[in-house]
Structures are given as structure tokens and as C-alpha cells.
Amino acid sequence: MPELPEVETVVRSLAPKLAGRRIVHAHFSSPLVVRQDFKELASRVRNQRIHSVSRHGKFIVLALDRGVLSIHLGMTGKLLFNRDPGPYARAVFDLDVGLLVYDDVRHFGRIEWSQQLPERAGSLGPDALAIPLADFLARLKKRNSRIKPLLLNQTFLRGLGNIYTDEALWEARIHPRAIASSLSRGRAARLHAAIVDILSAAILSKGSSISDYVDAEGNPGSFQLMHQVYGREGEACSRCRTAIRRIVVGQRGTHYCPKCQR
């Protein structure tokens, strides 16, 4: 599933193309992706101007003249600019200049119009890339859960997913089953720095393209070439040469180094 760096990359590639554009017509074809009435939604967005494109956690948010259009890419969603709609196009927005296509093989994404951010987006925790260190430390101390599932909990911190949680925990040398509240101030601060560092580096590489993800122009990211633990089960840790292990933590496949992360 696209995580914060992938969504941020899509937003950055779309923002200069969509800002100021007007939606002339919209067509929807998936009741799983669009759970509002197709005709009503098309009517709501018709002739509305797009004022800005931003990211809220893993949501892409288009601010319109009236209300916002929020888009979640789910597992296989792609938001493409000026690409011909293919067989998996679930939404097509004709603009006064250009075409915006939402493509999704598995229908796991969501497109929704609302007066303001929908509740499921508005109730998320602080952004993983922007949370101040003091706030991060205070939130950790209140939680007695394991650190890996906690970081994946979007109400605790928004934007992180399986890939970048594994990578940040490796960089910070923290075991994915460590209890959040038990982390010393130094280790917790190291984790905060690792999260910011990993996410920032991934954005510079335009995200990780492991399966379906591409940016708005159809270009893949390259951060998967720099993964230290994710997807590297059995390979040597680049720090200590110990074989990377894969375990299940909080029902999620988790990659870590048993020597570096204790």
C-alpha cells in the first residue's frame, strides 16, 4: 500500500498541474471506490475549480471551490495525469486543461467528496514527518503496546506503513516487539530522527515501487533499492552481516536484524 512518501510524491507531481484547473466533467464506475451516488458526486464537482492539492497522512486532498475531494489510493490505486483511461479506470475527471484518471485494479481505494476532511481522515494522529520530538516522546510514554503495531496505528501517527516502519526501526536499532513506553528517552529520540530521515530520503527517491505504485506521470520510485530490511529476509544486514529475519508482529510481516535490533 502506498505510504507517506509515495502519496507525497503523487501530490508533488500533481500540485503544479492541477492548481487552478476546473473540473468540466467527472465519470465514476466503481461503487467500491466511490460509495456516494455517482450522478450526485459528478454534479457536486462539476465546474468546481481545484485550489490546491495536499497530503493528509495517506490521503490526497483536493481543495475545491466548495468542499474537498479526498482520495485514498488503497493497495493498488494510481492517480494519473493526462493518461488514457485503461480497463481499470474507476474515476475520470475531465479538466479544462488535461485529464485526471484514478486507476485501481482491486477497487481498494476511496474517493469521497465532503464539506471538510471526512471523519476517517480528520481523526488521524499527527503527521509522521512533522510531529515535534517533544510530542512524539510524550505520546510514546502513554502507550504500553508494542512499537511496530503502534507506529502502524494511524490514530497514533499518520502516514507510516509496513515498509517505512521496518526501515525506521532498523535505523534506530529498536526491536519491533519493544514496548513503546519502555523506550528510554535516547532510544525514542533516535526513533523519531530515524522516522524523519527515512521518510525524507524516500520522498527524494520518489517512493518505493515494489508492485503497483507509480507517480502521477506513471514513473516508478527507486527507494526500494535502498531498503535495509524490508523484503530482505535471509540477506545480510548491511551493518553487522547477520541474516535479516521475518516475523509476524501485530498480524503484519515484519523484517528486522536480530543482532542490531534487540
Protein backbone atom coordinates (compact mmCIF):
# COMPACT_ATOMS: atom_id res chain seq x y z
CA MET A 1 0.00 0.00 0.00
CA PRO A 2 1.35 3.46 -0.85
CA GLU A 3 2.62 5.13 2.32
CA LEU A 4 3.53 8.71 3.16
CA PRO A 5 6.47 9.04 0.72
CA GLU A 6 4.50 7.62 -2.20
CA VAL A 7 1.46 9.80 -1.52
CA GLU A 8 3.67 12.87 -1.02
CA THR A 9 5.35 12.13 -4.36
CA VAL A 10 1.99 11.90 -6.13
CA VAL A 11 0.89 15.18 -4.52
CA ARG A 12 4.07 16.96 -5.55
CA SER A 13 3.79 15.72 -9.12
CA LEU A 14 0.11 16.72 -9.33
CA ALA A 15 0.00 20.05 -7.49
CA PRO A 16 1.51 22.27 -10.23
CA LYS A 17 -0.66 20.60 -12.87
CA LEU A 18 -4.00 20.75 -11.03
CA ALA A 19 -3.90 24.03 -9.10
CA GLY A 20 -6.27 26.46 -10.81
CA ARG A 21 -7.77 23.83 -13.12
CA ARG A 22 -11.55 23.44 -13.40
CA ILE A 23 -13.38 20.11 -13.39
CA VAL A 24 -15.56 20.06 -16.50
CA HIS A 25 -16.99 16.56 -16.07
CA ALA A 26 -16.46 13.51 -13.84
CA HIS A 27 -17.29 9.86 -14.52
CA PHE A 28 -17.28 7.06 -11.93
CA SER A 29 -17.63 3.32 -12.43
CA SER A 30 -16.79 1.54 -9.15
CA PRO A 31 -19.25 1.50 -6.21
CA LEU A 32 -16.44 0.18 -4.03
CA VAL A 33 -14.14 3.12 -4.73
CA VAL A 34 -16.95 5.72 -4.84
CA ARG A 35 -19.62 4.99 -2.24
CA GLN A 36 -21.60 8.12 -2.95
CA ASP A 37 -24.20 8.37 -5.70
CA PHE A 38 -22.29 8.70 -8.97
CA LYS A 39 -24.57 11.32 -10.52
CA GLU A 40 -24.75 13.37 -7.34
CA LEU A 41 -20.98 13.36 -6.91
CA ALA A 42 -20.41 14.26 -10.57
CA SER A 43 -22.84 17.15 -10.14
CA ARG A 44 -21.12 18.36 -6.95
CA VAL A 45 -17.68 18.60 -8.52
CA ARG A 46 -18.72 19.83 -11.96
CA ASN A 47 -17.40 23.32 -12.75
CA GLN A 48 -15.54 23.48 -9.47
CA ARG A 49 -12.01 24.84 -9.50
CA ILE A 50 -9.16 22.97 -7.81
CA HIS A 51 -7.44 25.43 -5.49
CA SER A 52 -4.77 23.15 -4.05
CA VAL A 53 -3.54 19.57 -3.81
CA SER A 54 -2.18 18.44 -0.45
CA ARG A 55 -1.47 15.35 1.62
CA HIS A 56 -3.10 14.38 4.91
CA GLY A 57 -1.42 11.19 6.11
CA LYS A 58 -2.03 8.77 3.23
CA PHE A 59 -4.91 10.84 1.83
CA ILE A 60 -4.64 13.09 -1.22
CA VAL A 61 -6.84 16.15 -0.69
CA LEU A 62 -8.11 18.40 -3.49
CA ALA A 63 -9.49 21.66 -2.13
CA LEU A 64 -12.35 22.82 -4.37
CA ASP A 65 -14.50 25.97 -4.53
CA ARG A 66 -16.96 24.10 -2.32
CA GLY A 67 -15.72 21.30 -0.12
CA VAL A 68 -12.86 18.86 -0.61
CA LEU A 69 -12.30 15.75 -2.67
CA SER A 70 -10.31 13.18 -0.67
CA ILE A 71 -8.61 10.28 -2.40
CA HIS A 72 -7.05 7.23 -0.74
CA LEU A 73 -5.02 5.01 -3.04
CA GLY A 74 -5.65 1.84 -1.06
CA MET A 75 -3.37 -1.00 -2.11
CA THR A 76 -3.24 -0.68 -5.90
CA GLY A 77 -4.62 2.78 -6.67
CA LYS A 78 -2.91 5.17 -9.08
CA LEU A 79 -3.76 8.81 -9.70
CA LEU A 80 -2.54 9.68 -13.18
CA PHE A 81 -2.45 12.94 -15.11
CA ASN A 82 -3.12 13.01 -18.85
CA ARG A 83 -3.03 9.25 -19.26
CA ASP A 84 -5.54 7.38 -21.40
CA PRO A 85 -8.09 5.60 -19.16
CA GLY A 86 -7.40 1.87 -19.20
CA PRO A 87 -9.58 -1.10 -18.23
CA TYR A 88 -9.07 -0.40 -14.51
CA ALA A 89 -10.01 3.29 -14.58
CA ARG A 90 -12.56 3.75 -11.77
CA ALA A 91 -12.86 7.55 -12.00
CA VAL A 92 -12.09 10.02 -14.77
CA PHE A 93 -12.05 13.80 -14.29
CA ASP A 94 -12.14 15.88 -17.48
CA LEU A 95 -10.45 19.20 -16.71
CA ASP A 96 -10.46 22.44 -18.65
CA VAL A 97 -6.83 21.56 -19.35
CA GLY A 98 -5.89 17.90 -19.05
CA LEU A 99 -7.34 14.68 -17.68
CA LEU A 100 -7.11 13.12 -14.21
CA VAL A 101 -7.57 9.35 -14.04
CA TYR A 102 -7.96 7.18 -10.95
CA ASP A 103 -6.86 3.62 -11.80
CA ASP A 104 -7.30 0.74 -9.34
CA VAL A 105 -7.06 -2.96 -10.18
CA ARG A 106 -8.52 -4.18 -6.88
CA HIS A 107 -11.01 -1.41 -6.01
CA PHE A 108 -9.43 -0.92 -2.55
CA GLY A 109 -9.08 2.87 -2.77
CA ARG A 110 -11.68 5.52 -1.94
CA ILE A 111 -12.81 8.78 -3.49
CA GLU A 112 -15.13 10.95 -1.43
CA TRP A 113 -16.48 14.50 -1.53
CA SER A 114 -17.27 16.28 1.74
CA GLN A 115 -17.60 19.80 3.11
CA GLN A 116 -14.34 19.26 5.02
CA LEU A 117 -11.99 16.35 5.64
CA PRO A 118 -14.06 13.19 6.20
CA GLU A 119 -14.04 11.86 9.76
CA ARG A 120 -11.84 8.90 8.93
CA ALA A 121 -9.16 11.34 7.73
CA GLY A 122 -9.74 14.14 10.22
CA SER A 123 -9.46 11.86 13.26
CA LEU A 124 -5.95 10.65 12.44
CA GLY A 125 -2.94 11.36 14.62
CA PRO A 126 -0.18 13.90 13.90
CA ASP A 127 1.83 13.59 10.70
CA ALA A 128 4.83 11.25 10.92
CA LEU A 129 7.01 13.72 9.04
CA ALA A 130 6.04 16.78 11.06
CA ILE A 131 5.46 15.72 14.68
CA PRO A 132 7.81 17.60 17.07
CA LEU A 133 10.17 15.46 19.15
CA ALA A 134 8.60 16.52 22.47
CA ASP A 135 5.12 15.48 21.29
CA PHE A 136 6.44 12.17 19.96
CA LEU A 137 8.14 11.35 23.27
CA ALA A 138 5.04 12.26 25.28
CA ARG A 139 2.78 10.09 23.10
CA LEU A 140 5.12 7.10 23.34
CA LYS A 141 5.23 7.26 27.14
CA LYS A 142 1.45 6.87 27.32
CA ARG A 143 1.35 3.65 25.30
CA ASN A 144 2.15 0.17 26.60
CA SER A 145 1.75 -1.53 23.23
CA ARG A 146 4.48 -2.96 21.03
CA ILE A 147 6.21 -0.31 18.98
CA LYS A 148 5.65 -1.79 15.50
CA PRO A 149 1.82 -2.01 15.69
CA LEU A 150 1.74 1.36 17.44
CA LEU A 151 3.59 3.10 14.61
CA LEU A 152 1.20 1.48 12.12
CA ASN A 153 -1.80 2.82 14.06
CA GLN A 154 -2.91 5.87 12.07
CA THR A 155 -4.67 7.40 15.07
CA PHE A 156 -1.31 7.45 16.86
CA LEU A 157 0.74 8.75 13.95
CA ARG A 158 -0.45 9.19 10.38
CA GLY A 159 1.43 8.19 7.27
CA LEU A 160 3.62 5.25 8.27
CA GLY A 161 3.05 1.78 6.85
CA ASN A 162 4.81 -1.55 6.92
CA ILE A 163 7.79 -0.62 4.76
CA TYR A 164 8.92 2.56 6.47
CA THR A 165 8.16 1.34 9.98
CA ASP A 166 10.51 -1.61 9.45
CA GLU A 167 13.16 0.66 7.94
CA ALA A 168 12.93 3.26 10.73
CA LEU A 169 13.10 0.64 13.49
CA TRP A 170 16.20 -0.84 11.87
CA GLU A 171 17.88 2.56 11.61
CA ALA A 172 17.03 3.28 15.26
CA ARG A 173 18.20 -0.22 16.36
CA ILE A 174 14.88 -0.98 18.07
CA HIS A 175 13.22 -4.40 18.13
CA PRO A 176 9.73 -4.30 16.56
CA ARG A 177 8.28 -6.01 19.66
CA ALA A 178 9.72 -3.45 22.11
CA ILE A 179 7.13 -1.82 24.39
CA ALA A 180 6.71 1.84 23.43
CA SER A 181 6.55 3.24 26.97
CA SER A 182 9.68 1.32 27.99
CA LEU A 183 11.93 3.02 25.46
CA SER A 184 14.47 5.34 27.03
CA ARG A 185 14.39 8.98 26.02
CA GLY A 186 17.54 8.48 23.99
CA ARG A 187 16.20 5.49 22.05
CA ALA A 188 12.85 7.19 21.48
CA ALA A 189 14.60 10.31 20.19
CA ARG A 190 16.68 8.11 17.90
CA LEU A 191 13.50 6.56 16.56
CA HIS A 192 11.96 9.98 15.91
CA ALA A 193 15.06 11.03 13.97
CA ALA A 194 15.04 7.74 12.03
CA ILE A 195 11.40 8.18 11.00
CA VAL A 196 12.05 11.68 9.66
CA ASP A 197 15.28 10.59 7.97
CA ILE A 198 13.78 7.52 6.27
CA LEU A 199 10.64 9.31 5.09
CA SER A 200 12.62 12.29 3.78
CA ALA A 201 15.06 10.03 1.91
CA ALA A 202 12.20 8.03 0.42
CA ILE A 203 10.49 11.20 -0.81
CA LEU A 204 13.72 12.28 -2.52
CA SER A 205 13.74 8.89 -4.28
CA LYS A 206 10.05 9.30 -5.19
CA GLY A 207 8.93 6.41 -3.01
CA SER A 208 9.26 2.64 -3.21
CA SER A 209 7.90 0.83 -6.25
CA ILE A 210 7.51 -2.79 -5.18
CA SER A 211 4.35 -3.71 -7.07
CA ASP A 212 1.85 -1.20 -8.47
CA TYR A 213 2.97 2.23 -7.27
CA VAL A 214 3.88 4.97 -9.77
CA ASP A 215 3.64 8.74 -9.52
CA ALA A 216 1.11 10.89 -11.38
CA GLU A 217 3.17 10.71 -14.55
CA GLY A 218 3.46 6.92 -14.44
CA ASN A 219 7.07 6.89 -13.21
CA PRO A 220 8.20 4.40 -10.53
CA GLY A 221 10.12 5.33 -7.41
CA SER A 222 13.57 3.97 -6.55
CA PHE A 223 13.78 3.84 -2.74
CA GLN A 224 13.21 0.07 -2.84
CA LEU A 225 16.84 -0.15 -3.94
CA MET A 226 17.86 1.32 -0.57
CA HIS A 227 15.75 -0.85 1.73
CA GLN A 228 17.86 -2.21 4.57
CA VAL A 229 15.46 -4.83 5.95
CA TYR A 230 12.07 -4.76 4.25
CA GLY A 231 11.76 -7.64 1.79
CA ARG A 232 15.33 -8.79 2.53
CA GLU A 233 14.67 -11.93 4.59
CA GLY A 234 17.78 -14.14 4.68
CA GLU A 235 20.07 -11.45 3.25
CA ALA A 236 22.95 -9.99 5.26
CA CYS A 237 22.37 -6.90 7.38
CA SER A 238 24.41 -4.07 5.87
CA ARG A 239 25.57 -3.07 9.37
CA CYS A 240 26.57 -6.37 11.01
CA ARG A 241 26.17 -9.03 8.27
CA THR A 242 23.65 -11.02 10.34
CA ALA A 243 20.84 -12.58 8.28
CA ILE A 244 17.67 -10.49 8.22
CA ARG A 245 14.68 -12.27 9.74
CA ARG A 246 10.98 -12.08 9.03
CA ILE A 247 8.49 -12.47 11.88
CA VAL A 248 4.84 -11.56 12.38
CA VAL A 249 4.10 -8.67 14.74
CA GLY A 250 0.55 -7.43 15.13
CA GLN A 251 -0.52 -9.64 12.21
CA ARG A 252 1.94 -7.90 9.90
CA GLY A 253 5.01 -9.38 8.27
CA THR A 254 7.99 -7.68 9.88
CA HIS A 255 11.65 -7.59 8.83
CA TYR A 256 14.46 -6.88 11.27
CA CYS A 257 18.06 -7.68 12.20
CA PRO A 258 18.22 -9.92 15.29
CA LYS A 259 21.66 -8.60 16.25
CA CYS A 260 21.24 -4.86 15.63
CA GLN A 261 17.68 -4.66 16.96
CA ARG A 262 17.47 -6.06 20.48
